[in-house]
Amino acid sequence: MCLRSIVAVTDTARMGIGLAALGRPGYLNVGHGIDVGDDHSVRALRDRAFEVLDGAYESGVRWFDTARSYGRGEEFLGAWLRRRGIVAGDVTVSSKWGYRYTADWEVDADVHEVKDLSLAHLRRQLPETREHLGDYLSVYQIHSATIDSGVLADEGVLSFLADMRDGGTRVGLSTSGVGQAEVIDLARLSGAFDTVQSTWNLLERSAGQALGKARDAGMTVIVKEGLANGRLTARGDVTGFAAAARTRGLAPDALALAAVLAQPWSDVVLSGAATVGQLRENLAARDVGFDDDLDAALAGLAEEPGEYWRRRSALRWT
């Protein structure tokens, strides 16, 4: 694999912040409950979100990603953008439709989100997104498109998104699961999408080739879950990874995200930080040298995709 030729990654615009762990009291990142603490009030979580967003912006981050299903993520982000007086054209705001938040602000809910990729749901959710984000919304994505969902063959959905595109909003899709590469290829060949947001990390690398082709075709590649929902942090379960990071004087999350930044097809790499401290550690990846030798040393971490996604589905919401 030919990685980006770098000594250190210093392009601040390439790091973004996602609100999956900031917009609701429960999420499936390892240790999320510790980060949130005991106060699950809307005000407490909003204040925490504002602190992290402030830290991201002041550190040069200009891409902010949320979704209808991220609890109050869109609401928090829109309020923060207006409070700071940020001009819409100075940041990129992406959101996603297709999942509905159902946990009612509870951490131990039986069901946290429900998927519905129908045209009717798209028509319902877009006005909700625009209510919170207004003119800041610049990228609107299908949330977790899969082959089985049929959404990429839904002429009604594709026509609706094409109209949005003609109106100046970029459209995209996010992917998850063992079939990511197939979905990315189908989206690329359709010519209907401007962006793709996919999972890629040192444990789950199966989408890499497809993402490279998507970028070559002109799509912006956004990488999520670069820390494998916390498995590639000091709290994680990956044997030897934390020790490997320490031998290089690095925090595990900085090393893991540096690996994603080094991929020649990655345009934007999202931090899913839930605290300012985590954000600082994540953003330190921008200053980490990562080369082919280091990539080869960590190649053995890769898991079989089916096993990786099985482990992810078994993570607890906390």
C-alpha atoms as a PDB file:
ATOM      1  CA  MET A   1       0.000   0.000   0.000  1.00  0.00           C
ATOM      2  CA  CYS A   2       1.290   3.457  -0.853  1.00  0.00           C
ATOM      3  CA  LEU A   3       0.429   5.841   1.951  1.00  0.00           C
ATOM      4  CA  ARG A   4       0.458   9.617   1.723  1.00  0.00           C
ATOM      5  CA  SER A   5       4.045  10.775   1.615  1.00  0.00           C
ATOM      6  CA  ILE A   6       4.348  12.581   4.929  1.00  0.00           C
ATOM      7  CA  VAL A   7       6.617  13.413   7.781  1.00  0.00           C
ATOM      8  CA  ALA A   8       3.714  14.664   9.856  1.00  0.00           C
ATOM      9  CA  VAL A   9       0.066  15.235   9.075  1.00  0.00           C
ATOM     10  CA  THR A  10      -0.600  18.936   9.669  1.00  0.00           C
ATOM     11  CA  ASP A  11      -3.528  19.763   7.364  1.00  0.00           C
ATOM     12  CA  THR A  12      -6.081  20.832   9.970  1.00  0.00           C
ATOM     13  CA  ALA A  13      -8.932  20.927   7.471  1.00  0.00           C
ATOM     14  CA  ARG A  14      -8.785  17.149   7.075  1.00  0.00           C
ATOM     15  CA  MET A  15      -9.986  16.444  10.608  1.00  0.00           C
ATOM     16  CA  GLY A  16     -13.702  16.714  11.360  1.00  0.00           C
ATOM     17  CA  ILE A  17     -15.903  16.159  14.387  1.00  0.00           C
ATOM     18  CA  GLY A  18     -18.901  13.850  14.552  1.00  0.00           C
ATOM     19  CA  LEU A  19     -21.694  14.274  17.089  1.00  0.00           C
ATOM     20  CA  ALA A  20     -22.768  10.644  17.513  1.00  0.00           C
ATOM     21  CA  ALA A  21     -21.418  10.614  21.087  1.00  0.00           C
ATOM     22  CA  LEU A  22     -22.340  14.218  21.882  1.00  0.00           C
ATOM     23  CA  GLY A  23     -26.004  14.494  20.999  1.00  0.00           C
ATOM     24  CA  ARG A  24     -27.480  11.834  23.305  1.00  0.00           C
ATOM     25  CA  PRO A  25     -26.719  10.345  26.724  1.00  0.00           C
ATOM     26  CA  GLY A  26     -26.152   6.804  25.448  1.00  0.00           C
ATOM     27  CA  TYR A  27     -23.813   5.547  22.735  1.00  0.00           C
ATOM     28  CA  LEU A  28     -21.897   2.372  21.966  1.00  0.00           C
ATOM     29  CA  ASN A  29     -18.372   3.752  22.284  1.00  0.00           C
ATOM     30  CA  VAL A  30     -16.325   1.893  24.895  1.00  0.00           C
ATOM     31  CA  GLY A  31     -16.515   3.873  28.131  1.00  0.00           C
ATOM     32  CA  HIS A  32     -18.997   6.449  26.857  1.00  0.00           C
ATOM     33  CA  GLY A  33     -20.908   6.366  30.135  1.00  0.00           C
ATOM     34  CA  ILE A  34     -17.770   7.414  32.009  1.00  0.00           C
ATOM     35  CA  ASP A  35     -17.309  10.360  29.666  1.00  0.00           C
ATOM     36  CA  VAL A  36     -20.876  11.597  30.062  1.00  0.00           C
ATOM     37  CA  GLY A  37     -20.978  11.161  33.827  1.00  0.00           C
ATOM     38  CA  ASP A  38     -24.071  11.079  36.001  1.00  0.00           C
ATOM     39  CA  ASP A  39     -25.770  14.268  34.796  1.00  0.00           C
ATOM     40  CA  HIS A  40     -27.759  13.291  31.724  1.00  0.00           C
ATOM     41  CA  SER A  41     -29.807  16.465  31.564  1.00  0.00           C
ATOM     42  CA  VAL A  42     -30.225  18.123  28.198  1.00  0.00           C
ATOM     43  CA  ARG A  43     -28.476  21.222  29.515  1.00  0.00           C
ATOM     44  CA  ALA A  44     -25.443  19.251  30.719  1.00  0.00           C
ATOM     45  CA  LEU A  45     -25.044  17.434  27.421  1.00  0.00           C
ATOM     46  CA  ARG A  46     -25.552  20.623  25.451  1.00  0.00           C
ATOM     47  CA  ASP A  47     -22.847  22.368  27.512  1.00  0.00           C
ATOM     48  CA  ARG A  48     -20.500  19.417  26.947  1.00  0.00           C
ATOM     49  CA  ALA A  49     -21.203  19.451  23.217  1.00  0.00           C
ATOM     50  CA  PHE A  50     -20.528  23.187  23.042  1.00  0.00           C
ATOM     51  CA  GLU A  51     -17.200  22.743  24.854  1.00  0.00           C
ATOM     52  CA  VAL A  52     -16.064  20.055  22.426  1.00  0.00           C
ATOM     53  CA  LEU A  53     -17.274  22.014  19.392  1.00  0.00           C
ATOM     54  CA  ASP A  54     -15.501  25.137  20.664  1.00  0.00           C
ATOM     55  CA  GLY A  55     -12.306  23.143  21.094  1.00  0.00           C
ATOM     56  CA  ALA A  56     -12.603  21.651  17.637  1.00  0.00           C
ATOM     57  CA  TYR A  57     -13.217  24.980  15.930  1.00  0.00           C
ATOM     58  CA  GLU A  58     -10.398  26.696  17.791  1.00  0.00           C
ATOM     59  CA  SER A  59      -8.091  23.844  16.704  1.00  0.00           C
ATOM     60  CA  GLY A  60      -8.886  24.397  13.044  1.00  0.00           C
ATOM     61  CA  VAL A  61     -11.635  21.811  12.515  1.00  0.00           C
ATOM     62  CA  ARG A  62     -14.120  22.969   9.886  1.00  0.00           C
ATOM     63  CA  TRP A  63     -16.155  19.827   9.105  1.00  0.00           C
ATOM     64  CA  PHE A  64     -19.024  18.979  11.463  1.00  0.00           C
ATOM     65  CA  ASP A  65     -21.087  15.808  11.011  1.00  0.00           C
ATOM     66  CA  THR A  66     -24.362  14.825  12.638  1.00  0.00           C
ATOM     67  CA  ALA A  67     -27.588  12.914  11.915  1.00  0.00           C
ATOM     68  CA  ARG A  68     -31.293  12.883  12.692  1.00  0.00           C
ATOM     69  CA  SER A  69     -30.743   9.868  14.945  1.00  0.00           C
ATOM     70  CA  TYR A  70     -28.017  11.464  17.065  1.00  0.00           C
ATOM     71  CA  GLY A  71     -30.518  12.548  19.713  1.00  0.00           C
ATOM     72  CA  ARG A  72     -30.279  16.342  19.821  1.00  0.00           C
ATOM     73  CA  GLY A  73     -27.114  16.427  17.716  1.00  0.00           C
ATOM     74  CA  GLU A  74     -28.538  18.613  14.964  1.00  0.00           C
ATOM     75  CA  GLU A  75     -30.171  20.897  17.521  1.00  0.00           C
ATOM     76  CA  PHE A  76     -26.943  21.298  19.516  1.00  0.00           C
ATOM     77  CA  LEU A  77     -24.837  21.888  16.415  1.00  0.00           C
ATOM     78  CA  GLY A  78     -27.193  24.462  14.930  1.00  0.00           C
ATOM     79  CA  ALA A  79     -27.434  26.356  18.224  1.00  0.00           C
ATOM     80  CA  TRP A  80     -23.660  26.354  18.611  1.00  0.00           C
ATOM     81  CA  LEU A  81     -23.073  27.621  15.064  1.00  0.00           C
ATOM     82  CA  ARG A  82     -25.506  30.490  15.569  1.00  0.00           C
ATOM     83  CA  ARG A  83     -24.136  31.351  19.021  1.00  0.00           C
ATOM     84  CA  ARG A  84     -20.616  31.685  17.618  1.00  0.00           C
ATOM     85  CA  GLY A  85     -21.884  33.667  14.638  1.00  0.00           C
ATOM     86  CA  ILE A  86     -20.185  31.339  12.182  1.00  0.00           C
ATOM     87  CA  VAL A  87     -20.869  32.107   8.529  1.00  0.00           C
ATOM     88  CA  ALA A  88     -22.349  29.136   6.675  1.00  0.00           C
ATOM     89  CA  GLY A  89     -19.693  29.163   3.984  1.00  0.00           C
ATOM     90  CA  ASP A  90     -16.861  29.011   6.507  1.00  0.00           C
ATOM     91  CA  VAL A  91     -17.683  25.457   7.646  1.00  0.00           C
ATOM     92  CA  THR A  92     -18.962  22.246   6.114  1.00  0.00           C
ATOM     93  CA  VAL A  93     -21.949  20.739   7.901  1.00  0.00           C
ATOM     94  CA  SER A  94     -23.074  17.248   6.957  1.00  0.00           C
ATOM     95  CA  SER A  95     -26.061  15.397   8.315  1.00  0.00           C
ATOM     96  CA  LYS A  96     -27.827  12.142   7.593  1.00  0.00           C
ATOM     97  CA  TRP A  97     -31.379  10.906   7.210  1.00  0.00           C
ATOM     98  CA  GLY A  98     -32.760   7.392   7.532  1.00  0.00           C
ATOM     99  CA  TYR A  99     -32.652   6.559  11.243  1.00  0.00           C
ATOM    100  CA  ARG A 100     -35.065   7.842  13.875  1.00  0.00           C
ATOM    101  CA  TYR A 101     -33.898   8.329  17.476  1.00  0.00           C
ATOM    102  CA  THR A 102     -36.144   6.254  19.772  1.00  0.00           C
ATOM    103  CA  ALA A 103     -34.331   6.070  23.126  1.00  0.00           C
ATOM    104  CA  ASP A 104     -36.265   8.975  24.691  1.00  0.00           C
ATOM    105  CA  TRP A 105     -33.059  10.244  26.349  1.00  0.00           C
ATOM    106  CA  GLU A 106     -32.542   6.943  28.171  1.00  0.00           C
ATOM    107  CA  VAL A 107     -29.245   5.053  28.194  1.00  0.00           C
ATOM    108  CA  ASP A 108     -30.743   1.618  28.817  1.00  0.00           C
ATOM    109  CA  ALA A 109     -33.481   1.828  26.167  1.00  0.00           C
ATOM    110  CA  ASP A 110     -34.379  -1.429  24.414  1.00  0.00           C
ATOM    111  CA  VAL A 111     -34.068   0.275  21.016  1.00  0.00           C
ATOM    112  CA  HIS A 112     -32.003   3.407  20.419  1.00  0.00           C
ATOM    113  CA  GLU A 113     -32.753   4.048  16.761  1.00  0.00           C
ATOM    114  CA  VAL A 114     -34.976   2.679  14.011  1.00  0.00           C
ATOM    115  CA  LYS A 115     -33.979   2.562  10.360  1.00  0.00           C
ATOM    116  CA  ASP A 116     -36.320   3.668   7.567  1.00  0.00           C
ATOM    117  CA  LEU A 117     -34.832   4.566   4.182  1.00  0.00           C
ATOM    118  CA  SER A 118     -38.147   5.209   2.442  1.00  0.00           C
ATOM    119  CA  LEU A 119     -38.950   8.324   0.424  1.00  0.00           C
ATOM    120  CA  ALA A 120     -41.689   9.161   2.938  1.00  0.00           C
ATOM    121  CA  HIS A 121     -39.149   9.172   5.757  1.00  0.00           C
ATOM    122  CA  LEU A 122     -36.738  11.319   3.753  1.00  0.00           C
ATOM    123  CA  ARG A 123     -39.535  13.825   3.152  1.00  0.00           C
ATOM    124  CA  ARG A 124     -40.270  13.885   6.896  1.00  0.00           C
ATOM    125  CA  GLN A 125     -36.703  14.175   8.104  1.00  0.00           C
ATOM    126  CA  LEU A 126     -35.295  16.806   5.752  1.00  0.00           C
ATOM    127  CA  PRO A 127     -37.542  19.604   7.116  1.00  0.00           C
ATOM    128  CA  GLU A 128     -36.564  18.559  10.655  1.00  0.00           C
ATOM    129  CA  THR A 129     -32.883  18.810   9.728  1.00  0.00           C
ATOM    130  CA  ARG A 130     -33.367  22.178   8.053  1.00  0.00           C
ATOM    131  CA  GLU A 131     -35.230  23.475  11.112  1.00  0.00           C
ATOM    132  CA  HIS A 132     -32.078  22.986  13.173  1.00  0.00           C
ATOM    133  CA  LEU A 133     -29.316  23.559  10.643  1.00  0.00           C
ATOM    134  CA  GLY A 134     -30.890  25.938   8.118  1.00  0.00           C
ATOM    135  CA  ASP A 135     -28.438  27.291   5.557  1.00  0.00           C
ATOM    136  CA  TYR A 136     -25.511  25.619   7.337  1.00  0.00           C
ATOM    137  CA  LEU A 137     -26.477  22.242   5.860  1.00  0.00           C
ATOM    138  CA  SER A 138     -24.177  21.599   2.911  1.00  0.00           C
ATOM    139  CA  VAL A 139     -24.055  17.785   2.683  1.00  0.00           C
ATOM    140  CA  TYR A 140     -27.055  15.470   3.182  1.00  0.00           C
ATOM    141  CA  GLN A 141     -26.377  11.743   3.339  1.00  0.00           C
ATOM    142  CA  ILE A 142     -28.290   8.486   3.340  1.00  0.00           C
ATOM    143  CA  HIS A 143     -27.599   6.958   6.743  1.00  0.00           C
ATOM    144  CA  SER A 144     -26.107   3.477   6.402  1.00  0.00           C
ATOM    145  CA  ALA A 145     -27.098   2.570   2.872  1.00  0.00           C
ATOM    146  CA  THR A 146     -26.969  -1.173   2.235  1.00  0.00           C
ATOM    147  CA  ILE A 147     -27.717  -3.394  -0.728  1.00  0.00           C
ATOM    148  CA  ASP A 148     -30.513  -5.130   1.189  1.00  0.00           C
ATOM    149  CA  SER A 149     -32.260  -1.831   1.961  1.00  0.00           C
ATOM    150  CA  GLY A 150     -32.827  -1.202  -1.754  1.00  0.00           C
ATOM    151  CA  VAL A 151     -32.349   2.542  -1.246  1.00  0.00           C
ATOM    152  CA  LEU A 152     -29.799   2.850  -4.054  1.00  0.00           C
ATOM    153  CA  ALA A 153     -32.398   1.489  -6.482  1.00  0.00           C
ATOM    154  CA  ASP A 154     -35.288   3.597  -5.143  1.00  0.00           C
ATOM    155  CA  GLU A 155     -36.097   5.968  -8.000  1.00  0.00           C
ATOM    156  CA  GLY A 156     -38.184   8.211  -5.748  1.00  0.00           C
ATOM    157  CA  VAL A 157     -35.356   8.696  -3.255  1.00  0.00           C
ATOM    158  CA  LEU A 158     -32.755   9.197  -5.993  1.00  0.00           C
ATOM    159  CA  SER A 159     -34.933  11.749  -7.771  1.00  0.00           C
ATOM    160  CA  PHE A 160     -35.511  13.665  -4.537  1.00  0.00           C
ATOM    161  CA  LEU A 161     -31.783  13.729  -3.806  1.00  0.00           C
ATOM    162  CA  ALA A 162     -31.021  14.778  -7.374  1.00  0.00           C
ATOM    163  CA  ASP A 163     -33.310  17.777  -6.906  1.00  0.00           C
ATOM    164  CA  MET A 164     -31.450  18.677  -3.716  1.00  0.00           C
ATOM    165  CA  ARG A 165     -28.182  18.400  -5.605  1.00  0.00           C
ATOM    166  CA  ASP A 166     -29.462  20.670  -8.350  1.00  0.00           C
ATOM    167  CA  GLY A 167     -30.405  23.143  -5.632  1.00  0.00           C
ATOM    168  CA  GLY A 168     -26.819  23.330  -4.368  1.00  0.00           C
ATOM    169  CA  THR A 169     -26.746  20.769  -1.547  1.00  0.00           C
ATOM    170  CA  ARG A 170     -24.213  17.991  -1.971  1.00  0.00           C
ATOM    171  CA  VAL A 171     -25.672  14.529  -1.452  1.00  0.00           C
ATOM    172  CA  GLY A 172     -23.934  11.456  -0.152  1.00  0.00           C
ATOM    173  CA  LEU A 173     -24.284   8.209   1.725  1.00  0.00           C
ATOM    174  CA  SER A 174     -22.770   6.481   4.696  1.00  0.00           C
ATOM    175  CA  THR A 175     -21.999   2.770   4.805  1.00  0.00           C
ATOM    176  CA  SER A 176     -21.661   0.096   7.474  1.00  0.00           C
ATOM    177  CA  GLY A 177     -21.302  -3.657   7.657  1.00  0.00           C
ATOM    178  CA  VAL A 178     -19.522  -6.353   5.707  1.00  0.00           C
ATOM    179  CA  GLY A 179     -20.978  -5.125   2.400  1.00  0.00           C
ATOM    180  CA  GLN A 180     -19.455  -1.648   2.485  1.00  0.00           C
ATOM    181  CA  ALA A 181     -17.291  -2.109  -0.606  1.00  0.00           C
ATOM    182  CA  GLU A 182     -20.184  -3.286  -2.765  1.00  0.00           C
ATOM    183  CA  VAL A 183     -22.317  -0.320  -1.720  1.00  0.00           C
ATOM    184  CA  ILE A 184     -19.489   2.152  -2.354  1.00  0.00           C
ATOM    185  CA  ASP A 185     -18.901   0.708  -5.837  1.00  0.00           C
ATOM    186  CA  LEU A 186     -22.594   0.905  -6.676  1.00  0.00           C
ATOM    187  CA  ALA A 187     -22.800   4.513  -5.481  1.00  0.00           C
ATOM    188  CA  ARG A 188     -19.715   5.454  -7.467  1.00  0.00           C
ATOM    189  CA  LEU A 189     -21.004   3.885 -10.676  1.00  0.00           C
ATOM    190  CA  SER A 190     -24.379   5.609 -10.293  1.00  0.00           C
ATOM    191  CA  GLY A 191     -22.810   9.055 -10.448  1.00  0.00           C
ATOM    192  CA  ALA A 192     -25.549  10.241  -8.090  1.00  0.00           C
ATOM    193  CA  PHE A 193     -23.440  11.041  -5.034  1.00  0.00           C
ATOM    194  CA  ASP A 194     -20.855  13.637  -4.111  1.00  0.00           C
ATOM    195  CA  THR A 195     -19.642  12.113  -0.843  1.00  0.00           C
ATOM    196  CA  VAL A 196     -19.268   8.759   0.857  1.00  0.00           C
ATOM    197  CA  GLN A 197     -18.794   8.239   4.602  1.00  0.00           C
ATOM    198  CA  SER A 198     -17.493   4.818   5.564  1.00  0.00           C
ATOM    199  CA  THR A 199     -15.895   2.877   8.379  1.00  0.00           C
ATOM    200  CA  TRP A 200     -12.182   2.260   7.967  1.00  0.00           C
ATOM    201  CA  ASN A 201      -9.679   1.593  10.724  1.00  0.00           C
ATOM    202  CA  LEU A 202      -6.730  -0.633  11.535  1.00  0.00           C
ATOM    203  CA  LEU A 203      -9.115  -3.468  12.397  1.00  0.00           C
ATOM    204  CA  GLU A 204     -11.563  -3.092   9.474  1.00  0.00           C
ATOM    205  CA  ARG A 205      -9.791  -2.278   6.188  1.00  0.00           C
ATOM    206  CA  SER A 206     -12.072  -4.006   3.700  1.00  0.00           C
ATOM    207  CA  ALA A 207     -13.522  -0.811   2.171  1.00  0.00           C
ATOM    208  CA  GLY A 208     -10.167   0.739   1.324  1.00  0.00           C
ATOM    209  CA  GLN A 209      -9.926  -0.213  -2.343  1.00  0.00           C
ATOM    210  CA  ALA A 210     -13.507   0.842  -3.038  1.00  0.00           C
ATOM    211  CA  LEU A 211     -12.924   4.164  -1.278  1.00  0.00           C
ATOM    212  CA  GLY A 212      -9.857   4.740  -3.438  1.00  0.00           C
ATOM    213  CA  LYS A 213     -11.930   4.256  -6.579  1.00  0.00           C
ATOM    214  CA  ALA A 214     -14.636   6.555  -5.233  1.00  0.00           C
ATOM    215  CA  ARG A 215     -12.125   9.315  -4.602  1.00  0.00           C
ATOM    216  CA  ASP A 216     -10.599   8.844  -8.055  1.00  0.00           C
ATOM    217  CA  ALA A 217     -14.103   9.319  -9.453  1.00  0.00           C
ATOM    218  CA  GLY A 218     -14.384  12.678  -7.689  1.00  0.00           C
ATOM    219  CA  MET A 219     -16.293  11.714  -4.539  1.00  0.00           C
ATOM    220  CA  THR A 220     -15.235  13.201  -1.200  1.00  0.00           C
ATOM    221  CA  VAL A 221     -14.292  10.388   1.187  1.00  0.00           C
ATOM    222  CA  ILE A 222     -15.205  10.860   4.856  1.00  0.00           C
ATOM    223  CA  VAL A 223     -13.932   8.231   7.291  1.00  0.00           C
ATOM    224  CA  LYS A 224     -15.867   7.409  10.457  1.00  0.00           C
ATOM    225  CA  GLU A 225     -15.118   5.065  13.341  1.00  0.00           C
ATOM    226  CA  GLY A 226     -11.371   5.383  12.931  1.00  0.00           C
ATOM    227  CA  LEU A 227     -11.066   4.278  16.569  1.00  0.00           C
ATOM    228  CA  ALA A 228     -13.390   1.302  16.122  1.00  0.00           C
ATOM    229  CA  ASN A 229     -15.862   2.685  18.670  1.00  0.00           C
ATOM    230  CA  GLY A 230     -13.134   2.903  21.294  1.00  0.00           C
ATOM    231  CA  ARG A 231     -11.512  -0.458  20.694  1.00  0.00           C
ATOM    232  CA  LEU A 232      -8.384   1.336  19.418  1.00  0.00           C
ATOM    233  CA  THR A 233      -7.972   3.455  22.529  1.00  0.00           C
ATOM    234  CA  ALA A 234      -6.430   2.874  25.939  1.00  0.00           C
ATOM    235  CA  ARG A 235      -9.798   1.389  26.955  1.00  0.00           C
ATOM    236  CA  GLY A 236      -9.851  -1.038  24.067  1.00  0.00           C
ATOM    237  CA  ASP A 237      -9.505  -4.788  23.739  1.00  0.00           C
ATOM    238  CA  VAL A 238      -6.919  -5.019  20.953  1.00  0.00           C
ATOM    239  CA  THR A 239      -3.971  -7.008  22.247  1.00  0.00           C
ATOM    240  CA  GLY A 240      -0.677  -5.188  21.926  1.00  0.00           C
ATOM    241  CA  PHE A 241      -1.967  -2.016  20.290  1.00  0.00           C
ATOM    242  CA  ALA A 242      -1.723   0.278  23.319  1.00  0.00           C
ATOM    243  CA  ALA A 243       1.766  -1.052  24.000  1.00  0.00           C
ATOM    244  CA  ALA A 244       2.776  -0.453  20.375  1.00  0.00           C
ATOM    245  CA  ALA A 245       1.588   3.138  20.655  1.00  0.00           C
ATOM    246  CA  ARG A 246       3.468   3.674  23.931  1.00  0.00           C
ATOM    247  CA  THR A 247       6.756   2.481  22.424  1.00  0.00           C
ATOM    248  CA  ARG A 248       6.401   5.355  19.952  1.00  0.00           C
ATOM    249  CA  GLY A 249       5.466   7.857  22.637  1.00  0.00           C
ATOM    250  CA  LEU A 250       1.899   8.127  21.385  1.00  0.00           C
ATOM    251  CA  ALA A 251      -1.608   7.755  22.731  1.00  0.00           C
ATOM    252  CA  PRO A 252      -3.354   4.820  21.018  1.00  0.00           C
ATOM    253  CA  ASP A 253      -6.094   6.997  19.520  1.00  0.00           C
ATOM    254  CA  ALA A 254      -3.558   9.368  17.956  1.00  0.00           C
ATOM    255  CA  LEU A 255      -1.766   6.450  16.312  1.00  0.00           C
ATOM    256  CA  ALA A 256      -5.024   4.900  15.074  1.00  0.00           C
ATOM    257  CA  LEU A 257      -6.289   8.139  13.546  1.00  0.00           C
ATOM    258  CA  ALA A 258      -2.885   8.892  12.021  1.00  0.00           C
ATOM    259  CA  ALA A 259      -3.232   5.608  10.138  1.00  0.00           C
ATOM    260  CA  VAL A 260      -6.516   6.821   8.663  1.00  0.00           C
ATOM    261  CA  LEU A 261      -5.115  10.241   7.779  1.00  0.00           C
ATOM    262  CA  ALA A 262      -2.273   8.515   5.970  1.00  0.00           C
ATOM    263  CA  GLN A 263      -4.548   6.702   3.539  1.00  0.00           C
ATOM    264  CA  PRO A 264      -4.185   8.316   0.086  1.00  0.00           C
ATOM    265  CA  TRP A 265      -7.951   8.392  -0.441  1.00  0.00           C
ATOM    266  CA  SER A 266      -9.065   9.870   2.906  1.00  0.00           C
ATOM    267  CA  ASP A 267     -10.291  13.449   2.589  1.00  0.00           C
ATOM    268  CA  VAL A 268     -11.923  13.990   5.994  1.00  0.00           C
ATOM    269  CA  VAL A 269     -11.345  11.902   9.128  1.00  0.00           C
ATOM    270  CA  LEU A 270     -13.948  12.279  11.866  1.00  0.00           C
ATOM    271  CA  SER A 271     -13.188  12.396  15.559  1.00  0.00           C
ATOM    272  CA  GLY A 272     -15.997  11.040  17.699  1.00  0.00           C
ATOM    273  CA  ALA A 273     -14.686  12.661  20.879  1.00  0.00           C
ATOM    274  CA  ALA A 274     -17.096  13.053  23.794  1.00  0.00           C
ATOM    275  CA  THR A 275     -14.791  15.246  25.911  1.00  0.00           C
ATOM    276  CA  VAL A 276     -12.317  18.045  25.279  1.00  0.00           C
ATOM    277  CA  GLY A 277      -9.519  15.792  26.527  1.00  0.00           C
ATOM    278  CA  GLN A 278     -10.392  13.106  24.013  1.00  0.00           C
ATOM    279  CA  LEU A 279     -10.570  15.731  21.292  1.00  0.00           C
ATOM    280  CA  ARG A 280      -7.044  16.936  22.049  1.00  0.00           C
ATOM    281  CA  GLU A 281      -5.728  13.371  21.949  1.00  0.00           C
ATOM    282  CA  ASN A 282      -7.558  12.672  18.685  1.00  0.00           C
ATOM    283  CA  LEU A 283      -6.291  15.854  17.021  1.00  0.00           C
ATOM    284  CA  ALA A 284      -2.733  14.949  17.980  1.00  0.00           C
ATOM    285  CA  ALA A 285      -2.946  12.470  15.096  1.00  0.00           C
ATOM    286  CA  ARG A 286      -2.300  15.405  12.767  1.00  0.00           C
ATOM    287  CA  ASP A 287       1.273  15.594  14.021  1.00  0.00           C
ATOM    288  CA  VAL A 288       2.081  11.878  13.905  1.00  0.00           C
ATOM    289  CA  GLY A 289       4.434  10.564  11.258  1.00  0.00           C
ATOM    290  CA  PHE A 290       2.978   7.433   9.643  1.00  0.00           C
ATOM    291  CA  ASP A 291       4.676   5.508   6.858  1.00  0.00           C
ATOM    292  CA  ASP A 292       4.650   2.168   5.083  1.00  0.00           C
ATOM    293  CA  ASP A 293       6.937   0.547   7.661  1.00  0.00           C
ATOM    294  CA  LEU A 294       4.606   1.462  10.503  1.00  0.00           C
ATOM    295  CA  ASP A 295       1.616   0.344   8.460  1.00  0.00           C
ATOM    296  CA  ALA A 296       3.267  -3.023   7.875  1.00  0.00           C
ATOM    297  CA  ALA A 297       4.023  -3.379  11.592  1.00  0.00           C
ATOM    298  CA  LEU A 298       0.326  -2.913  12.396  1.00  0.00           C
ATOM    299  CA  ALA A 299      -1.069  -4.980   9.521  1.00  0.00           C
ATOM    300  CA  GLY A 300      -1.623  -7.969  11.777  1.00  0.00           C
ATOM    301  CA  LEU A 301      -4.347  -6.099  13.664  1.00  0.00           C
ATOM    302  CA  ALA A 302      -6.798  -6.452  10.784  1.00  0.00           C
ATOM    303  CA  GLU A 303      -9.785  -8.647  11.549  1.00  0.00           C
ATOM    304  CA  GLU A 304     -11.988 -10.620   9.213  1.00  0.00           C
ATOM    305  CA  PRO A 305     -14.853  -8.212   8.355  1.00  0.00           C
ATOM    306  CA  GLY A 306     -17.585 -10.526   9.586  1.00  0.00           C
ATOM    307  CA  GLU A 307     -15.847 -10.885  12.947  1.00  0.00           C
ATOM    308  CA  TYR A 308     -15.241  -7.152  13.205  1.00  0.00           C
ATOM    309  CA  TRP A 309     -18.905  -6.287  12.619  1.00  0.00           C
ATOM    310  CA  ARG A 310     -20.023  -9.053  14.976  1.00  0.00           C
ATOM    311  CA  ARG A 311     -17.901  -7.503  17.716  1.00  0.00           C
ATOM    312  CA  ARG A 312     -19.251  -4.045  16.939  1.00  0.00           C
ATOM    313  CA  SER A 313     -22.856  -5.219  17.151  1.00  0.00           C
ATOM    314  CA  ALA A 314     -22.095  -6.706  20.579  1.00  0.00           C
ATOM    315  CA  LEU A 315     -20.892  -3.410  22.055  1.00  0.00           C
ATOM    316  CA  ARG A 316     -23.074  -2.068  24.880  1.00  0.00           C
ATOM    317  CA  TRP A 317     -24.766   1.317  24.781  1.00  0.00           C
ATOM    318  CA  THR A 318     -23.560   3.210  27.860  1.00  0.00           C
END
